[in-house]
Amino acid sequence: MNLKKYLFVLTVLCFLYACNEESYIPKPKAYHRIIFPEKQYQASNLENCPFAFQMPKYASISQDNPYFKQDVNDPCWMDISFDGMNGKIHLSYKEINEKTTLPNLIEDAYKLTAKHIQKAEFIDDQTFHRGNVHGILYDVGGDAASAIQFFMTDSTNHFLRGALYFKTRPNYDSIRPVIDFIKVDIDKMIDTFEWKNR
């Protein structure tokens, strides 16, 4: 009987001691802190392209990337890279002609945006018209592969499509601050965009 009492007292003392001991509490899940650069812009300086715009100084343009595993010879297909944020805006330019009509280009842009419907929580569209620059900006919410898509045209000769992608698994909650930051740059690009004679 003494052994049972002894074990009972020992067990109670262990529980009481454990209750007084500070327990380890794991940190809650969180996202990395991102320090954004100061907003500063410069001219895009695209000599061989029929358009110009203001772009962030902390971004760079590369025009020699292969797309869809094939080389594209048009110097107006390019990436605007945000290296510190793992983001890229893919830009593809098309000249409007009898073979490449404006309705077909708009339909293709819409279809490429619609591919994200399965993962998107919402797709908001915003039209814009400024001089001879017309287009639609699509804000794609949720865990879609591309968070922002847009196109611009002068309705007669030129068509430019853009899409924002990240080199990471899409997680809207974690990349939303970066999306919001780059969206300001895309808005600046649209506001300062102009067509040039080629």
Protein backbone atom coordinates (compact mmCIF):
# COMPACT_ATOMS: atom_id res chain seq x y z
CA MET A 1 0.00 0.00 0.00
CA ASN A 2 2.82 2.37 0.74
CA LEU A 3 4.18 1.92 -2.76
CA LYS A 4 0.83 2.94 -4.31
CA LYS A 5 0.63 6.02 -2.08
CA TYR A 6 4.22 6.88 -2.91
CA LEU A 7 3.57 6.61 -6.70
CA PHE A 8 0.38 8.67 -6.38
CA VAL A 9 2.15 11.46 -4.47
CA LEU A 10 5.05 11.37 -6.95
CA THR A 11 2.66 11.67 -9.93
CA VAL A 12 0.80 14.60 -8.34
CA LEU A 13 4.08 16.37 -7.60
CA CYS A 14 5.23 15.86 -11.21
CA PHE A 15 2.01 17.42 -12.52
CA LEU A 16 2.26 20.34 -10.14
CA TYR A 17 5.90 20.93 -11.08
CA ALA A 18 5.03 20.78 -14.82
CA CYS A 19 2.26 23.35 -14.35
CA ASN A 20 4.68 25.82 -12.77
CA GLU A 21 7.33 25.35 -15.48
CA GLU A 22 7.18 27.81 -18.40
CA SER A 23 6.06 25.88 -21.44
CA TYR A 24 7.47 26.34 -24.92
CA ILE A 25 4.95 28.05 -27.19
CA PRO A 26 5.73 27.81 -30.89
CA LYS A 27 5.61 31.00 -32.92
CA PRO A 28 2.55 31.39 -35.11
CA LYS A 29 2.97 31.07 -38.86
CA ALA A 30 3.98 34.36 -40.42
CA TYR A 31 5.37 35.76 -43.64
CA HIS A 32 8.76 37.31 -44.23
CA ARG A 33 9.05 41.03 -43.78
CA ILE A 34 9.59 42.75 -47.11
CA ILE A 35 11.42 46.05 -47.34
CA PHE A 36 10.32 47.78 -50.50
CA PRO A 37 12.53 50.20 -52.42
CA GLU A 38 11.61 53.85 -52.78
CA LYS A 39 9.39 54.58 -55.80
CA GLN A 40 11.55 56.10 -58.54
CA TYR A 41 10.92 55.92 -62.28
CA GLN A 42 12.87 56.28 -65.51
CA ALA A 43 12.19 56.09 -69.26
CA SER A 44 12.04 52.57 -70.70
CA ASN A 45 14.43 53.45 -73.62
CA LEU A 46 13.19 50.81 -76.05
CA GLU A 47 14.64 51.96 -79.36
CA ASN A 48 13.28 49.14 -81.54
CA CYS A 49 9.74 49.12 -80.16
CA PRO A 50 6.80 51.32 -81.12
CA PHE A 51 6.02 52.26 -77.53
CA ALA A 52 7.55 53.93 -74.50
CA PHE A 53 6.64 54.16 -70.82
CA GLN A 54 8.04 54.99 -67.40
CA MET A 55 9.36 52.02 -65.44
CA PRO A 56 10.76 51.63 -61.92
CA LYS A 57 14.49 52.17 -61.42
CA TYR A 58 14.61 48.97 -59.33
CA ALA A 59 13.38 46.86 -62.28
CA SER A 60 15.28 45.72 -65.36
CA ILE A 61 14.29 44.76 -68.91
CA SER A 62 15.48 41.59 -70.61
CA GLN A 63 14.56 41.03 -74.25
CA ASP A 64 16.38 37.80 -75.04
CA ASN A 65 14.35 35.26 -73.08
CA PRO A 66 12.75 32.31 -74.86
CA TYR A 67 8.98 32.09 -74.47
CA PHE A 68 7.03 28.86 -74.48
CA LYS A 69 10.33 26.96 -75.05
CA GLN A 70 10.96 28.65 -78.38
CA ASP A 71 12.92 31.73 -79.30
CA VAL A 72 10.99 34.87 -80.16
CA ASN A 73 12.75 37.15 -82.61
CA ASP A 74 10.65 40.23 -81.88
CA PRO A 75 12.64 42.61 -79.64
CA CYS A 76 9.33 43.90 -78.26
CA TRP A 77 8.65 40.65 -76.41
CA MET A 78 10.34 41.16 -73.06
CA ASP A 79 10.32 40.78 -69.30
CA ILE A 80 10.37 43.56 -66.76
CA SER A 81 12.06 41.83 -63.83
CA PHE A 82 11.68 42.76 -60.17
CA ASP A 83 14.61 40.66 -58.95
CA GLY A 84 14.36 41.48 -55.27
CA MET A 85 10.70 40.42 -55.33
CA ASN A 86 10.91 37.34 -57.61
CA GLY A 87 8.39 38.94 -59.97
CA LYS A 88 8.26 39.50 -63.72
CA ILE A 89 5.91 41.31 -66.04
CA HIS A 90 5.87 39.44 -69.36
CA LEU A 91 5.18 41.83 -72.25
CA SER A 92 4.31 40.66 -75.75
CA TYR A 93 3.73 43.03 -78.65
CA LYS A 94 1.74 42.33 -81.82
CA GLU A 95 1.20 44.51 -84.85
CA ILE A 96 -2.44 44.65 -85.93
CA ASN A 97 -2.92 43.63 -89.58
CA GLU A 98 -5.20 41.54 -91.80
CA LYS A 99 -3.93 38.26 -90.31
CA THR A 100 -3.68 39.47 -86.72
CA THR A 101 -6.91 41.37 -86.15
CA LEU A 102 -7.80 43.39 -83.07
CA PRO A 103 -10.86 41.25 -82.16
CA ASN A 104 -8.68 38.09 -82.25
CA LEU A 105 -5.99 39.70 -80.09
CA ILE A 106 -8.55 40.87 -77.52
CA GLU A 107 -10.15 37.41 -77.48
CA ASP A 108 -6.74 35.77 -76.95
CA ALA A 109 -6.00 38.16 -74.07
CA TYR A 110 -9.37 37.37 -72.51
CA LYS A 111 -8.82 33.59 -72.89
CA LEU A 112 -5.37 33.80 -71.28
CA THR A 113 -6.88 35.64 -68.31
CA ALA A 114 -9.84 33.23 -68.13
CA LYS A 115 -7.43 30.29 -67.72
CA HIS A 116 -6.91 31.48 -64.14
CA ILE A 117 -10.61 31.22 -63.21
CA GLN A 118 -10.14 27.79 -61.56
CA LYS A 119 -7.74 29.16 -58.93
CA ALA A 120 -8.98 32.76 -58.79
CA GLU A 121 -11.29 34.00 -56.06
CA PHE A 122 -12.24 36.92 -58.28
CA ILE A 123 -11.27 38.67 -61.51
CA ASP A 124 -11.96 42.40 -61.57
CA ASP A 125 -11.55 44.28 -64.82
CA GLN A 126 -10.91 47.97 -65.26
CA THR A 127 -11.00 49.68 -68.65
CA PHE A 128 -8.87 52.72 -69.40
CA HIS A 129 -8.75 55.27 -72.22
CA ARG A 130 -6.07 57.93 -72.43
CA GLY A 131 -5.49 59.59 -75.80
CA ASN A 132 -4.79 56.75 -78.23
CA VAL A 133 -4.05 54.22 -75.46
CA HIS A 134 -7.01 51.97 -74.68
CA GLY A 135 -7.14 48.73 -72.74
CA ILE A 136 -8.26 46.59 -69.85
CA LEU A 137 -6.46 45.73 -66.61
CA TYR A 138 -7.48 42.46 -64.92
CA ASP A 139 -6.89 42.11 -61.18
CA VAL A 140 -6.86 38.35 -60.45
CA GLY A 141 -7.41 37.52 -56.78
CA GLY A 142 -6.63 34.21 -55.12
CA ASP A 143 -3.92 31.67 -55.74
CA ALA A 144 -3.86 32.08 -59.52
CA ALA A 145 -0.53 31.89 -61.38
CA SER A 146 -0.81 35.48 -62.61
CA ALA A 147 -2.10 38.20 -60.29
CA ILE A 148 -2.40 41.01 -62.85
CA GLN A 149 -3.03 40.87 -66.58
CA PHE A 150 -3.59 43.74 -68.99
CA PHE A 151 -3.55 44.78 -72.61
CA MET A 152 -3.17 48.10 -74.41
CA THR A 153 -3.93 49.07 -77.97
CA ASP A 154 -4.37 52.08 -80.23
CA SER A 155 -7.21 50.13 -81.95
CA THR A 156 -5.60 50.35 -85.41
CA ASN A 157 -1.92 49.34 -85.48
CA HIS A 158 -0.55 48.20 -82.11
CA PHE A 159 -1.40 45.71 -79.36
CA LEU A 160 0.60 45.01 -76.18
CA ARG A 161 -0.28 42.38 -73.61
CA GLY A 162 1.23 42.09 -70.13
CA ALA A 163 1.03 39.57 -67.28
CA LEU A 164 2.60 39.61 -63.81
CA TYR A 165 4.10 36.32 -62.61
CA PHE A 166 6.16 35.29 -59.59
CA LYS A 167 8.89 32.65 -59.37
CA THR A 168 7.18 31.05 -56.42
CA ARG A 169 4.14 28.95 -55.64
CA PRO A 170 1.10 31.24 -55.78
CA ASN A 171 -0.10 32.07 -52.28
CA TYR A 172 -2.19 35.22 -52.47
CA ASP A 173 -1.93 36.03 -48.76
CA SER A 174 1.87 35.93 -48.71
CA ILE A 175 2.54 37.76 -52.00
CA ARG A 176 -0.28 40.30 -51.78
CA PRO A 177 1.95 43.12 -50.42
CA VAL A 178 4.29 42.60 -53.39
CA ILE A 179 1.35 42.49 -55.83
CA ASP A 180 0.02 45.77 -54.40
CA PHE A 181 3.50 47.32 -54.65
CA ILE A 182 4.03 46.27 -58.29
CA LYS A 183 0.46 47.24 -59.24
CA VAL A 184 1.40 50.86 -58.53
CA ASP A 185 4.25 50.44 -61.03
CA ILE A 186 1.89 48.91 -63.60
CA ASP A 187 -0.52 51.84 -63.10
CA LYS A 188 2.42 54.22 -63.67
CA MET A 189 3.36 52.31 -66.81
CA ILE A 190 -0.20 52.60 -68.15
CA ASP A 191 -0.48 56.30 -67.22
CA THR A 192 2.79 57.18 -69.00
CA PHE A 193 2.42 54.74 -71.93
CA GLU A 194 2.58 56.15 -75.45
CA TRP A 195 2.73 54.70 -78.95
CA LYS A 196 5.56 55.71 -81.29
CA ASN A 197 5.85 55.35 -85.06
CA ARG A 198 7.84 52.24 -85.88
